[in-house]
PDB file of N, CA and C in Angstrom:
ATOM      1  N   MET A   1      52.961 -17.374   2.562  1.00  0.00           N
ATOM      2  CA  MET A   1      53.463 -16.061   3.030  1.00  0.00           C
ATOM      3  C   MET A   1      52.713 -15.701   4.297  1.00  0.00           C
ATOM      4  N   PRO A   2      53.347 -14.852   5.093  1.00  0.00           N
ATOM      5  CA  PRO A   2      52.730 -14.461   6.366  1.00  0.00           C
ATOM      6  C   PRO A   2      51.606 -13.468   6.220  1.00  0.00           C
ATOM      7  N   THR A   3      50.862 -13.249   7.304  1.00  0.00           N
ATOM      8  CA  THR A   3      49.849 -12.199   7.334  1.00  0.00           C
ATOM      9  C   THR A   3      50.579 -10.868   7.403  1.00  0.00           C
ATOM     10  N   VAL A   4      50.187  -9.951   6.513  1.00  0.00           N
ATOM     11  CA  VAL A   4      50.854  -8.671   6.381  1.00  0.00           C
ATOM     12  C   VAL A   4      49.872  -7.562   6.713  1.00  0.00           C
ATOM     13  N   ALA A   5      50.352  -6.520   7.370  1.00  0.00           N
ATOM     14  CA  ALA A   5      49.531  -5.344   7.652  1.00  0.00           C
ATOM     15  C   ALA A   5      50.259  -4.082   7.160  1.00  0.00           C
ATOM     16  N   LEU A   6      49.461  -3.168   6.643  1.00  0.00           N
ATOM     17  CA  LEU A   6      49.980  -1.869   6.201  1.00  0.00           C
ATOM     18  C   LEU A   6      49.145  -0.780   6.825  1.00  0.00           C
ATOM     19  N   THR A   7      49.828   0.286   7.309  1.00  0.00           N
ATOM     20  CA  THR A   7      49.042   1.427   7.791  1.00  0.00           C
ATOM     21  C   THR A   7      48.576   2.164   6.542  1.00  0.00           C
ATOM     22  N   VAL A   8      47.328   2.614   6.546  1.00  0.00           N
ATOM     23  CA  VAL A   8      46.760   3.242   5.370  1.00  0.00           C
ATOM     24  C   VAL A   8      46.180   4.623   5.689  1.00  0.00           C
ATOM     25  N   TRP A   9      46.307   5.489   4.700  1.00  0.00           N
ATOM     26  CA  TRP A   9      45.718   6.811   4.733  1.00  0.00           C
ATOM     27  C   TRP A   9      45.194   7.050   3.320  1.00  0.00           C
ATOM     28  N   GLY A  10      43.905   6.864   3.168  1.00  0.00           N
ATOM     29  CA  GLY A  10      43.304   6.927   1.799  1.00  0.00           C
ATOM     30  C   GLY A  10      43.830   5.734   1.009  1.00  0.00           C
ATOM     31  N   SER A  11      44.471   6.010  -0.108  1.00  0.00           N
ATOM     32  CA  SER A  11      44.994   4.922  -0.931  1.00  0.00           C
ATOM     33  C   SER A  11      46.517   4.780  -0.777  1.00  0.00           C
ATOM     34  N   ARG A  12      47.088   5.492   0.196  1.00  0.00           N
ATOM     35  CA  ARG A  12      48.534   5.478   0.398  1.00  0.00           C
ATOM     36  C   ARG A  12      48.898   4.906   1.766  1.00  0.00           C
ATOM     37  N   VAL A  13      50.201   4.539   1.888  1.00  0.00           N
ATOM     38  CA  VAL A  13      50.685   4.124   3.191  1.00  0.00           C
ATOM     39  C   VAL A  13      50.694   5.369   4.075  1.00  0.00           C
ATOM     40  N   SER A  14      50.166   5.262   5.275  1.00  0.00           N
ATOM     41  CA  SER A  14      50.126   6.370   6.210  1.00  0.00           C
ATOM     42  C   SER A  14      51.561   6.804   6.499  1.00  0.00           C
ATOM     43  N   PRO A  15      51.852   8.129   6.454  1.00  0.00           N
ATOM     44  CA  PRO A  15      53.197   8.583   6.618  1.00  0.00           C
ATOM     45  C   PRO A  15      53.828   8.391   7.993  1.00  0.00           C
ATOM     46  N   VAL A  16      53.002   8.298   9.055  1.00  0.00           N
ATOM     47  CA  VAL A  16      53.531   8.133  10.405  1.00  0.00           C
ATOM     48  C   VAL A  16      52.714   7.051  11.137  1.00  0.00           C
ATOM     49  N   PHE A  17      53.379   6.024  11.613  1.00  0.00           N
ATOM     50  CA  PHE A  17      52.688   4.926  12.292  1.00  0.00           C
ATOM     51  C   PHE A  17      51.863   5.421  13.477  1.00  0.00           C
ATOM     52  N   GLU A  18      52.437   6.242  14.326  1.00  0.00           N
ATOM     53  CA  GLU A  18      51.770   6.666  15.558  1.00  0.00           C
ATOM     54  C   GLU A  18      50.496   7.431  15.305  1.00  0.00           C
ATOM     55  N   SER A  19      50.343   8.069  14.128  1.00  0.00           N
ATOM     56  CA  SER A  19      49.136   8.834  13.857  1.00  0.00           C
ATOM     57  C   SER A  19      48.194   8.110  12.882  1.00  0.00           C
ATOM     58  N   ALA A  20      48.508   6.899  12.472  1.00  0.00           N
ATOM     59  CA  ALA A  20      47.673   6.130  11.569  1.00  0.00           C
ATOM     60  C   ALA A  20      46.404   5.703  12.275  1.00  0.00           C
ATOM     61  N   ALA A  21      45.277   5.824  11.599  1.00  0.00           N
ATOM     62  CA  ALA A  21      43.995   5.457  12.167  1.00  0.00           C
ATOM     63  C   ALA A  21      43.460   4.131  11.580  1.00  0.00           C
ATOM     64  N   TRP A  22      44.020   3.709  10.462  1.00  0.00           N
ATOM     65  CA  TRP A  22      43.548   2.479   9.787  1.00  0.00           C
ATOM     66  C   TRP A  22      44.692   1.601   9.427  1.00  0.00           C
ATOM     67  N   ILE A  23      44.387   0.337   9.355  1.00  0.00           N
ATOM     68  CA  ILE A  23      45.383  -0.669   8.964  1.00  0.00           C
ATOM     69  C   ILE A  23      44.679  -1.656   8.029  1.00  0.00           C
ATOM     70  N   ARG A  24      45.414  -2.076   6.992  1.00  0.00           N
ATOM     71  CA  ARG A  24      44.898  -3.103   6.093  1.00  0.00           C
ATOM     72  C   ARG A  24      45.636  -4.403   6.412  1.00  0.00           C
ATOM     73  N   VAL A  25      44.890  -5.450   6.714  1.00  0.00           N
ATOM     74  CA  VAL A  25      45.439  -6.738   7.054  1.00  0.00           C
ATOM     75  C   VAL A  25      45.207  -7.675   5.886  1.00  0.00           C
ATOM     76  N   LEU A  26      46.256  -8.374   5.414  1.00  0.00           N
ATOM     77  CA  LEU A  26      46.138  -9.215   4.241  1.00  0.00           C
ATOM     78  C   LEU A  26      46.660 -10.594   4.515  1.00  0.00           C
ATOM     79  N   GLN A  27      45.905 -11.575   4.039  1.00  0.00           N
ATOM     80  CA  GLN A  27      46.395 -12.952   4.015  1.00  0.00           C
ATOM     81  C   GLN A  27      46.815 -13.245   2.603  1.00  0.00           C
ATOM     82  N   THR A  28      47.988 -13.840   2.439  1.00  0.00           N
ATOM     83  CA  THR A  28      48.516 -14.112   1.136  1.00  0.00           C
ATOM     84  C   THR A  28      48.752 -15.605   0.922  1.00  0.00           C
ATOM     85  N   ALA A  29      48.712 -16.020  -0.295  1.00  0.00           N
ATOM     86  CA  ALA A  29      49.037 -17.376  -0.696  1.00  0.00           C
ATOM     87  C   ALA A  29      49.956 -17.264  -1.895  1.00  0.00           C
ATOM     88  N   GLY A  30      51.193 -17.579  -1.676  1.00  0.00           N
ATOM     89  CA  GLY A  30      52.185 -17.427  -2.757  1.00  0.00           C
ATOM     90  C   GLY A  30      52.289 -15.924  -3.075  1.00  0.00           C
ATOM     91  N   THR A  31      52.063 -15.603  -4.314  1.00  0.00           N
ATOM     92  CA  THR A  31      52.152 -14.196  -4.741  1.00  0.00           C
ATOM     93  C   THR A  31      50.766 -13.551  -4.851  1.00  0.00           C
ATOM     94  N   ARG A  32      49.730 -14.216  -4.315  1.00  0.00           N
ATOM     95  CA  ARG A  32      48.398 -13.680  -4.414  1.00  0.00           C
ATOM     96  C   ARG A  32      47.878 -13.242  -3.023  1.00  0.00           C
ATOM     97  N   VAL A  33      47.154 -12.127  -3.016  1.00  0.00           N
ATOM     98  CA  VAL A  33      46.430 -11.699  -1.823  1.00  0.00           C
ATOM     99  C   VAL A  33      45.077 -12.397  -1.880  1.00  0.00           C
ATOM    100  N   VAL A  34      44.786 -13.225  -0.874  1.00  0.00           N
ATOM    101  CA  VAL A  34      43.511 -13.992  -0.880  1.00  0.00           C
ATOM    102  C   VAL A  34      42.446 -13.374   0.005  1.00  0.00           C
ATOM    103  N   ARG A  35      42.840 -12.466   0.910  1.00  0.00           N
ATOM    104  CA  ARG A  35      41.855 -11.835   1.769  1.00  0.00           C
ATOM    105  C   ARG A  35      42.403 -10.536   2.284  1.00  0.00           C
ATOM    106  N   GLN A  36      41.571  -9.486   2.276  1.00  0.00           N
ATOM    107  CA  GLN A  36      41.965  -8.171   2.773  1.00  0.00           C
ATOM    108  C   GLN A  36      40.883  -7.677   3.726  1.00  0.00           C
ATOM    109  N   THR A  37      41.323  -7.050   4.829  1.00  0.00           N
ATOM    110  CA  THR A  37      40.406  -6.470   5.759  1.00  0.00           C
ATOM    111  C   THR A  37      40.959  -5.126   6.226  1.00  0.00           C
ATOM    112  N   GLU A  38      40.166  -4.091   6.240  1.00  0.00           N
ATOM    113  CA  GLU A  38      40.609  -2.819   6.780  1.00  0.00           C
ATOM    114  C   GLU A  38      40.021  -2.656   8.162  1.00  0.00           C
ATOM    115  N   LEU A  39      40.894  -2.324   9.120  1.00  0.00           N
ATOM    116  CA  LEU A  39      40.455  -2.224  10.524  1.00  0.00           C
ATOM    117  C   LEU A  39      40.888  -0.903  11.117  1.00  0.00           C
ATOM    118  N   TYR A  40      40.068  -0.400  12.043  1.00  0.00           N
ATOM    119  CA  TYR A  40      40.430   0.792  12.801  1.00  0.00           C
ATOM    120  C   TYR A  40      41.587   0.459  13.731  1.00  0.00           C
ATOM    121  N   LEU A  41      42.550   1.301  13.806  1.00  0.00           N
ATOM    122  CA  LEU A  41      43.738   1.073  14.613  1.00  0.00           C
ATOM    123  C   LEU A  41      43.608   1.921  15.888  1.00  0.00           C
ATOM    124  N   PRO A  42      43.524   1.285  17.058  1.00  0.00           N
ATOM    125  CA  PRO A  42      43.360   2.044  18.293  1.00  0.00           C
ATOM    126  C   PRO A  42      44.529   2.996  18.534  1.00  0.00           C
ATOM    127  N   PRO A  43      44.278   4.100  19.214  1.00  0.00           N
ATOM    128  CA  PRO A  43      45.359   5.082  19.434  1.00  0.00           C
ATOM    129  C   PRO A  43      46.411   4.677  20.464  1.00  0.00           C
ATOM    130  N   GLU A  44      46.067   3.809  21.426  1.00  0.00           N
ATOM    131  CA  GLU A  44      47.007   3.441  22.475  1.00  0.00           C
ATOM    132  C   GLU A  44      48.052   2.461  21.933  1.00  0.00           C
ATOM    133  N   PRO A  45      49.320   2.734  22.177  1.00  0.00           N
ATOM    134  CA  PRO A  45      50.404   1.872  21.606  1.00  0.00           C
ATOM    135  C   PRO A  45      50.240   0.374  21.951  1.00  0.00           C
ATOM    136  N   MET A  46      49.989   0.028  23.155  1.00  0.00           N
ATOM    137  CA  MET A  46      49.875  -1.384  23.515  1.00  0.00           C
ATOM    138  C   MET A  46      48.628  -2.036  22.911  1.00  0.00           C
ATOM    139  N   SER A  47      47.569  -1.259  22.736  1.00  0.00           N
ATOM    140  CA  SER A  47      46.355  -1.752  22.084  1.00  0.00           C
ATOM    141  C   SER A  47      46.629  -2.052  20.610  1.00  0.00           C
ATOM    142  N   ARG A  48      47.474  -1.236  20.000  1.00  0.00           N
ATOM    143  CA  ARG A  48      47.852  -1.473  18.608  1.00  0.00           C
ATOM    144  C   ARG A  48      48.586  -2.798  18.474  1.00  0.00           C
ATOM    145  N   ILE A  49      49.534  -3.020  19.351  1.00  0.00           N
ATOM    146  CA  ILE A  49      50.311  -4.267  19.323  1.00  0.00           C
ATOM    147  C   ILE A  49      49.381  -5.464  19.558  1.00  0.00           C
ATOM    148  N   ALA A  50      48.484  -5.332  20.541  1.00  0.00           N
ATOM    149  CA  ALA A  50      47.530  -6.422  20.828  1.00  0.00           C
ATOM    150  C   ALA A  50      46.675  -6.715  19.609  1.00  0.00           C
ATOM    151  N   MET A  51      46.258  -5.686  18.893  1.00  0.00           N
ATOM    152  CA  MET A  51      45.426  -5.891  17.705  1.00  0.00           C
ATOM    153  C   MET A  51      46.241  -6.597  16.609  1.00  0.00           C
ATOM    154  N   LEU A  52      47.469  -6.207  16.408  1.00  0.00           N
ATOM    155  CA  LEU A  52      48.296  -6.876  15.398  1.00  0.00           C
ATOM    156  C   LEU A  52      48.472  -8.362  15.752  1.00  0.00           C
ATOM    157  N   ARG A  53      48.724  -8.625  16.991  1.00  0.00           N
ATOM    158  CA  ARG A  53      48.869 -10.040  17.429  1.00  0.00           C
ATOM    159  C   ARG A  53      47.568 -10.819  17.320  1.00  0.00           C
ATOM    160  N   GLU A  54      46.440 -10.162  17.647  1.00  0.00           N
ATOM    161  CA  GLU A  54      45.144 -10.794  17.556  1.00  0.00           C
ATOM    162  C   GLU A  54      44.833 -11.265  16.128  1.00  0.00           C
ATOM    163  N   HIS A  55      45.307 -10.481  15.181  1.00  0.00           N
ATOM    164  CA  HIS A  55      45.080 -10.813  13.748  1.00  0.00           C
ATOM    165  C   HIS A  55      46.257 -11.585  13.142  1.00  0.00           C
ATOM    166  N   ASP A  56      47.141 -12.060  13.980  1.00  0.00           N
ATOM    167  CA  ASP A  56      48.277 -12.913  13.595  1.00  0.00           C
ATOM    168  C   ASP A  56      49.164 -12.243  12.570  1.00  0.00           C
ATOM    169  N   VAL A  57      49.330 -10.915  12.684  1.00  0.00           N
ATOM    170  CA  VAL A  57      50.194 -10.165  11.775  1.00  0.00           C
ATOM    171  C   VAL A  57      51.641 -10.544  12.035  1.00  0.00           C
ATOM    172  N   ARG A  58      52.367 -10.909  10.975  1.00  0.00           N
ATOM    173  CA  ARG A  58      53.780 -11.296  11.076  1.00  0.00           C
ATOM    174  C   ARG A  58      54.686 -10.252  10.457  1.00  0.00           C
ATOM    175  N   VAL A  59      54.104  -9.377   9.590  1.00  0.00           N
ATOM    176  CA  VAL A  59      54.871  -8.331   8.908  1.00  0.00           C
ATOM    177  C   VAL A  59      54.063  -7.053   8.954  1.00  0.00           C
ATOM    178  N   LEU A  60      54.685  -5.957   9.352  1.00  0.00           N
ATOM    179  CA  LEU A  60      54.052  -4.633   9.359  1.00  0.00           C
ATOM    180  C   LEU A  60      54.848  -3.721   8.459  1.00  0.00           C
ATOM    181  N   ILE A  61      54.148  -3.164   7.453  1.00  0.00           N
ATOM    182  CA  ILE A  61      54.737  -2.163   6.544  1.00  0.00           C
ATOM    183  C   ILE A  61      54.147  -0.824   6.910  1.00  0.00           C
ATOM    184  N   CYS A  62      55.025   0.155   7.119  1.00  0.00           N
ATOM    185  CA  CYS A  62      54.515   1.466   7.557  1.00  0.00           C
ATOM    186  C   CYS A  62      55.478   2.563   7.089  1.00  0.00           C
ATOM    187  N   GLY A  63      55.063   3.804   7.341  1.00  0.00           N
ATOM    188  CA  GLY A  63      55.900   4.951   7.066  1.00  0.00           C
ATOM    189  C   GLY A  63      56.878   5.162   8.211  1.00  0.00           C
ATOM    190  N   ALA A  64      57.048   6.400   8.625  1.00  0.00           N
ATOM    191  CA  ALA A  64      57.934   6.707   9.737  1.00  0.00           C
ATOM    192  C   ALA A  64      57.371   6.123  11.031  1.00  0.00           C
ATOM    193  N   ILE A  65      58.275   5.759  11.920  1.00  0.00           N
ATOM    194  CA  ILE A  65      57.852   5.173  13.202  1.00  0.00           C
ATOM    195  C   ILE A  65      58.941   5.521  14.247  1.00  0.00           C
ATOM    196  N   SER A  66      58.498   5.781  15.475  1.00  0.00           N
ATOM    197  CA  SER A  66      59.446   6.110  16.513  1.00  0.00           C
ATOM    198  C   SER A  66      60.259   4.888  16.906  1.00  0.00           C
ATOM    199  N   GLY A  67      61.431   5.127  17.434  1.00  0.00           N
ATOM    200  CA  GLY A  67      62.291   4.017  17.867  1.00  0.00           C
ATOM    201  C   GLY A  67      61.629   3.160  18.939  1.00  0.00           C
ATOM    202  N   LEU A  68      60.890   3.768  19.845  1.00  0.00           N
ATOM    203  CA  LEU A  68      60.229   3.039  20.891  1.00  0.00           C
ATOM    204  C   LEU A  68      59.148   2.095  20.342  1.00  0.00           C
ATOM    205  N   GLN A  69      58.327   2.626  19.471  1.00  0.00           N
ATOM    206  CA  GLN A  69      57.277   1.784  18.856  1.00  0.00           C
ATOM    207  C   GLN A  69      57.910   0.669  18.020  1.00  0.00           C
ATOM    208  N   ALA A  70      58.956   0.982  17.288  1.00  0.00           N
ATOM    209  CA  ALA A  70      59.633  -0.047  16.474  1.00  0.00           C
ATOM    210  C   ALA A  70      60.175  -1.147  17.368  1.00  0.00           C
ATOM    211  N   SER A  71      60.759  -0.795  18.508  1.00  0.00           N
ATOM    212  CA  SER A  71      61.292  -1.771  19.432  1.00  0.00           C
ATOM    213  C   SER A  71      60.179  -2.661  19.982  1.00  0.00           C
ATOM    214  N   ILE A  72      59.042  -2.071  20.329  1.00  0.00           N
ATOM    215  CA  ILE A  72      57.908  -2.853  20.870  1.00  0.00           C
ATOM    216  C   ILE A  72      57.379  -3.820  19.822  1.00  0.00           C
ATOM    217  N   ILE A  73      57.262  -3.369  18.601  1.00  0.00           N
ATOM    218  CA  ILE A  73      56.767  -4.226  17.512  1.00  0.00           C
ATOM    219  C   ILE A  73      57.711  -5.378  17.263  1.00  0.00           C
ATOM    220  N   ARG A  74      59.003  -5.097  17.212  1.00  0.00           N
ATOM    221  CA  ARG A  74      59.976  -6.167  17.012  1.00  0.00           C
ATOM    222  C   ARG A  74      60.016  -7.147  18.197  1.00  0.00           C
ATOM    223  N   ALA A  75      59.818  -6.624  19.411  1.00  0.00           N
ATOM    224  CA  ALA A  75      59.783  -7.494  20.582  1.00  0.00           C
ATOM    225  C   ALA A  75      58.557  -8.413  20.550  1.00  0.00           C
ATOM    226  N   ALA A  76      57.526  -7.994  19.852  1.00  0.00           N
ATOM    227  CA  ALA A  76      56.313  -8.838  19.658  1.00  0.00           C
ATOM    228  C   ALA A  76      56.525  -9.828  18.520  1.00  0.00           C
ATOM    229  N   GLU A  77      57.760  -9.923  18.015  1.00  0.00           N
ATOM    230  CA  GLU A  77      58.115 -10.849  16.951  1.00  0.00           C
ATOM    231  C   GLU A  77      57.345 -10.579  15.670  1.00  0.00           C
ATOM    232  N   ILE A  78      57.160  -9.291  15.364  1.00  0.00           N
ATOM    233  CA  ILE A  78      56.557  -8.849  14.124  1.00  0.00           C
ATOM    234  C   ILE A  78      57.661  -8.216  13.291  1.00  0.00           C
ATOM    235  N   GLU A  79      57.854  -8.700  12.076  1.00  0.00           N
ATOM    236  CA  GLU A  79      58.863  -8.105  11.205  1.00  0.00           C
ATOM    237  C   GLU A  79      58.385  -6.709  10.813  1.00  0.00           C
ATOM    238  N   LEU A  80      59.248  -5.724  10.959  1.00  0.00           N
ATOM    239  CA  LEU A  80      58.914  -4.342  10.648  1.00  0.00           C
ATOM    240  C   LEU A  80      59.606  -3.885   9.397  1.00  0.00           C
ATOM    241  N   ILE A  81      58.825  -3.342   8.454  1.00  0.00           N
ATOM    242  CA  ILE A  81      59.371  -2.763   7.242  1.00  0.00           C
ATOM    243  C   ILE A  81      58.947  -1.275   7.246  1.00  0.00           C
ATOM    244  N   PRO A  82      59.795  -0.426   7.858  1.00  0.00           N
ATOM    245  CA  PRO A  82      59.441   0.974   8.045  1.00  0.00           C
ATOM    246  C   PRO A  82      59.923   1.895   6.919  1.00  0.00           C
ATOM    247  N   PHE A  83      59.506   3.136   6.966  1.00  0.00           N
ATOM    248  CA  PHE A  83      59.945   4.206   6.060  1.00  0.00           C
ATOM    249  C   PHE A  83      59.568   3.902   4.608  1.00  0.00           C
ATOM    250  N   VAL A  84      58.378   3.349   4.437  1.00  0.00           N
ATOM    251  CA  VAL A  84      57.839   3.025   3.136  1.00  0.00           C
ATOM    252  C   VAL A  84      56.790   4.085   2.766  1.00  0.00           C
ATOM    253  N   ALA A  85      56.817   4.496   1.499  1.00  0.00           N
ATOM    254  CA  ALA A  85      55.841   5.503   1.043  1.00  0.00           C
ATOM    255  C   ALA A  85      55.315   5.070  -0.328  1.00  0.00           C
ATOM    256  N   GLY A  86      54.050   5.436  -0.580  1.00  0.00           N
ATOM    257  CA  GLY A  86      53.499   5.164  -1.886  1.00  0.00           C
ATOM    258  C   GLY A  86      52.095   4.625  -1.818  1.00  0.00           C
ATOM    259  N   ASP A  87      51.608   4.253  -3.009  1.00  0.00           N
ATOM    260  CA  ASP A  87      50.295   3.696  -3.151  1.00  0.00           C
ATOM    261  C   ASP A  87      50.214   2.281  -2.563  1.00  0.00           C
ATOM    262  N   VAL A  88      49.191   2.052  -1.762  1.00  0.00           N
ATOM    263  CA  VAL A  88      49.049   0.768  -1.082  1.00  0.00           C
ATOM    264  C   VAL A  88      49.063  -0.426  -2.045  1.00  0.00           C
ATOM    265  N   GLU A  89      48.309  -0.312  -3.115  1.00  0.00           N
ATOM    266  CA  GLU A  89      48.225  -1.442  -4.070  1.00  0.00           C
ATOM    267  C   GLU A  89      49.562  -1.713  -4.727  1.00  0.00           C
ATOM    268  N   GLU A  90      50.316  -0.677  -5.086  1.00  0.00           N
ATOM    269  CA  GLU A  90      51.639  -0.872  -5.683  1.00  0.00           C
ATOM    270  C   GLU A  90      52.602  -1.496  -4.679  1.00  0.00           C
ATOM    271  N   ILE A  91      52.494  -1.071  -3.448  1.00  0.00           N
ATOM    272  CA  ILE A  91      53.374  -1.619  -2.397  1.00  0.00           C
ATOM    273  C   ILE A  91      53.074  -3.066  -2.161  1.00  0.00           C
ATOM    274  N   LEU A  92      51.767  -3.440  -2.142  1.00  0.00           N
ATOM    275  CA  LEU A  92      51.397  -4.845  -1.985  1.00  0.00           C
ATOM    276  C   LEU A  92      51.993  -5.699  -3.083  1.00  0.00           C
ATOM    277  N   VAL A  93      51.870  -5.250  -4.314  1.00  0.00           N
ATOM    278  CA  VAL A  93      52.409  -6.009  -5.436  1.00  0.00           C
ATOM    279  C   VAL A  93      53.914  -6.166  -5.264  1.00  0.00           C
ATOM    280  N   ALA A  94      54.623  -5.084  -4.914  1.00  0.00           N
ATOM    281  CA  ALA A  94      56.065  -5.114  -4.733  1.00  0.00           C
ATOM    282  C   ALA A  94      56.426  -6.089  -3.593  1.00  0.00           C
ATOM    283  N   TYR A  95      55.636  -6.077  -2.530  1.00  0.00           N
ATOM    284  CA  TYR A  95      55.948  -6.958  -1.403  1.00  0.00           C
ATOM    285  C   TYR A  95      55.827  -8.426  -1.796  1.00  0.00           C
ATOM    286  N   VAL A  96      54.723  -8.810  -2.428  1.00  0.00           N
ATOM    287  CA  VAL A  96      54.551 -10.219  -2.743  1.00  0.00           C
ATOM    288  C   VAL A  96      55.547 -10.682  -3.847  1.00  0.00           C
ATOM    289  N   GLN A  97      56.045  -9.732  -4.625  1.00  0.00           N
ATOM    290  CA  GLN A  97      57.045 -10.068  -5.650  1.00  0.00           C
ATOM    291  C   GLN A  97      58.470  -9.946  -5.122  1.00  0.00           C
ATOM    292  N   GLY A  98      58.635  -9.589  -3.822  1.00  0.00           N
ATOM    293  CA  GLY A  98      59.944  -9.472  -3.252  1.00  0.00           C
ATOM    294  C   GLY A  98      60.728  -8.250  -3.702  1.00  0.00           C
ATOM    295  N   LYS A  99      60.029  -7.193  -4.133  1.00  0.00           N
ATOM    296  CA  LYS A  99      60.663  -5.993  -4.677  1.00  0.00           C
ATOM    297  C   LYS A  99      60.444  -4.749  -3.837  1.00  0.00           C
ATOM    298  N   LEU A 100      60.053  -4.935  -2.594  1.00  0.00           N
ATOM    299  CA  LEU A 100      59.722  -3.742  -1.766  1.00  0.00           C
ATOM    300  C   LEU A 100      60.944  -2.960  -1.370  1.00  0.00           C
ATOM    301  N   GLY A 101      62.112  -3.550  -1.419  1.00  0.00           N
ATOM    302  CA  GLY A 101      63.363  -2.862  -1.074  1.00  0.00           C
ATOM    303  C   GLY A 101      63.761  -1.775  -2.062  1.00  0.00           C
ATOM    304  N   SER A 102      63.028  -1.619  -3.149  1.00  0.00           N
ATOM    305  CA  SER A 102      63.363  -0.618  -4.161  1.00  0.00           C
ATOM    306  C   SER A 102      63.314   0.787  -3.575  1.00  0.00           C
ATOM    307  N   GLU A 103      64.249   1.610  -4.026  1.00  0.00           N
ATOM    308  CA  GLU A 103      64.287   3.034  -3.597  1.00  0.00           C
ATOM    309  C   GLU A 103      62.988   3.727  -3.950  1.00  0.00           C
ATOM    310  N   ARG A 104      62.285   3.214  -4.931  1.00  0.00           N
ATOM    311  CA  ARG A 104      61.015   3.831  -5.378  1.00  0.00           C
ATOM    312  C   ARG A 104      60.027   3.933  -4.221  1.00  0.00           C
ATOM    313  N   PHE A 105      60.077   3.015  -3.273  1.00  0.00           N
ATOM    314  CA  PHE A 105      59.112   2.987  -2.172  1.00  0.00           C
ATOM    315  C   PHE A 105      59.659   3.588  -0.882  1.00  0.00           C
ATOM    316  N   ALA A 106      60.855   4.140  -0.907  1.00  0.00           N
ATOM    317  CA  ALA A 106      61.449   4.764   0.283  1.00  0.00           C
ATOM    318  C   ALA A 106      60.795   6.111   0.534  1.00  0.00           C
ATOM    319  N   MET A 107      60.552   6.478   1.813  1.00  0.00           N
ATOM    320  CA  MET A 107      60.015   7.764   2.132  1.00  0.00           C
ATOM    321  C   MET A 107      60.976   8.844   1.637  1.00  0.00           C
ATOM    322  N   PRO A 108      60.445   9.956   1.173  1.00  0.00           N
ATOM    323  CA  PRO A 108      61.307  11.058   0.779  1.00  0.00           C
ATOM    324  C   PRO A 108      62.279  11.420   1.881  1.00  0.00           C
ATOM    325  N   GLY A 109      63.548  11.601   1.545  1.00  0.00           N
ATOM    326  CA  GLY A 109      64.566  11.965   2.530  1.00  0.00           C
ATOM    327  C   GLY A 109      65.190  10.767   3.243  1.00  0.00           C
ATOM    328  N   CYS A 110      64.558   9.590   3.100  1.00  0.00           N
ATOM    329  CA  CYS A 110      65.107   8.405   3.761  1.00  0.00           C
ATOM    330  C   CYS A 110      66.035   7.619   2.830  1.00  0.00           C
ATOM    331  N   SER A 111      65.760   7.595   1.551  1.00  0.00           N
ATOM    332  CA  SER A 111      66.566   6.882   0.575  1.00  0.00           C
ATOM    333  C   SER A 111      66.848   5.461   0.971  1.00  0.00           C
ATOM    334  N   GLY A 112      65.988   4.855   1.762  1.00  0.00           N
ATOM    335  CA  GLY A 112      66.156   3.468   2.144  1.00  0.00           C
ATOM    336  C   GLY A 112      67.268   3.226   3.124  1.00  0.00           C
ATOM    337  N   ARG A 113      67.861   4.282   3.686  1.00  0.00           N
ATOM    338  CA  ARG A 113      69.024   4.130   4.573  1.00  0.00           C
ATOM    339  C   ARG A 113      68.743   3.272   5.785  1.00  0.00           C
ATOM    340  N   HIS A 114      67.542   3.287   6.309  1.00  0.00           N
ATOM    341  CA  HIS A 114      67.208   2.491   7.454  1.00  0.00           C
ATOM    342  C   HIS A 114      67.199   0.993   7.112  1.00  0.00           C
ATOM    343  N   ARG A 115      66.661   0.656   5.993  1.00  0.00           N
ATOM    344  CA  ARG A 115      66.674  -0.722   5.567  1.00  0.00           C
ATOM    345  C   ARG A 115      68.078  -1.200   5.263  1.00  0.00           C
ATOM    346  N   ARG A 116      68.897  -0.370   4.634  1.00  0.00           N
ATOM    347  CA  ARG A 116      70.269  -0.771   4.316  1.00  0.00           C
ATOM    348  C   ARG A 116      71.068  -1.013   5.580  1.00  0.00           C
ATOM    349  N   ARG A 117      70.934  -0.140   6.563  1.00  0.00           N
ATOM    350  CA  ARG A 117      71.675  -0.289   7.812  1.00  0.00           C
ATOM    351  C   ARG A 117      71.359  -1.614   8.456  1.00  0.00           C
ATOM    352  N   ARG A 118      70.106  -1.991   8.470  1.00  0.00           N
ATOM    353  CA  ARG A 118      69.717  -3.249   9.079  1.00  0.00           C
ATOM    354  C   ARG A 118      70.277  -4.430   8.323  1.00  0.00           C
ATOM    355  N   ARG A 119      70.271  -4.374   7.011  1.00  0.00           N
ATOM    356  CA  ARG A 119      70.795  -5.465   6.205  1.00  0.00           C
ATOM    357  C   ARG A 119      72.292  -5.613   6.405  1.00  0.00           C
ATOM    358  N   ARG A 120      72.993  -4.486   6.402  1.00  0.00           N
ATOM    359  CA  ARG A 120      74.437  -4.530   6.561  1.00  0.00           C
ATOM    360  C   ARG A 120      74.798  -5.183   7.878  1.00  0.00           C
ATOM    361  N   GLY A 121      74.072  -4.833   8.944  1.00  0.00           N
ATOM    362  CA  GLY A 121      74.362  -5.428  10.254  1.00  0.00           C
ATOM    363  C   GLY A 121      74.122  -6.926  10.268  1.00  0.00           C
ATOM    364  N   ARG A 122      73.089  -7.375   9.584  1.00  0.00           N
ATOM    365  CA  ARG A 122      72.820  -8.826   9.537  1.00  0.00           C
ATOM    366  C   ARG A 122      73.874  -9.545   8.715  1.00  0.00           C
ATOM    367  N   GLY A 123      74.355  -8.918   7.660  1.00  0.00           N
ATOM    368  CA  GLY A 123      75.329  -9.546   6.796  1.00  0.00           C
ATOM    369  C   GLY A 123      76.681  -9.730   7.432  1.00  0.00           C
ATOM    370  N   ASN A 124      76.968  -8.912   8.447  1.00  0.00           N
ATOM    371  CA  ASN A 124      78.279  -8.970   9.099  1.00  0.00           C
ATOM    372  C   ASN A 124      78.335  -9.967  10.255  1.00  0.00           C
ATOM    373  N   LYS A 125      77.241 -10.571  10.578  1.00  0.00           N
ATOM    374  CA  LYS A 125      77.192 -11.535  11.691  1.00  0.00           C
ATOM    375  C   LYS A 125      77.816 -12.871  11.249  1.00  0.00           C
ATOM    376  N   GLY A 126      78.487 -13.510  12.194  1.00  0.00           N
ATOM    377  CA  GLY A 126      78.947 -14.862  12.030  1.00  0.00           C
ATOM    378  C   GLY A 126      79.899 -15.048  10.983  1.00  0.00           C
TER     379      GLY A 126
END
């Protein structure tokens, strides 16, 4: 599995990417997390992207995120899983088990609509 990062605020996913101060970076092997590191997330947008790339992050799980930041992250070839809410440990378990798409982890008011829209668009190609 790829290196995964989550924005954190205490024990929960930080509700807004742009205001997150910490990130948890995880290396996984199969369905196990083999290494976790919590790092300070710089406030400057391009410094954040550089940090993610420096730690070889391939997947970013976060709460709300602006369209501009989302575009920059995707342009850096980092898979973005936005509008996620909940306890970091529960979200990690759901991610490694392939169950993160559950409505249970959608931010209040989002109902997973952003993830559904992206999937629908991919399914209609070709």
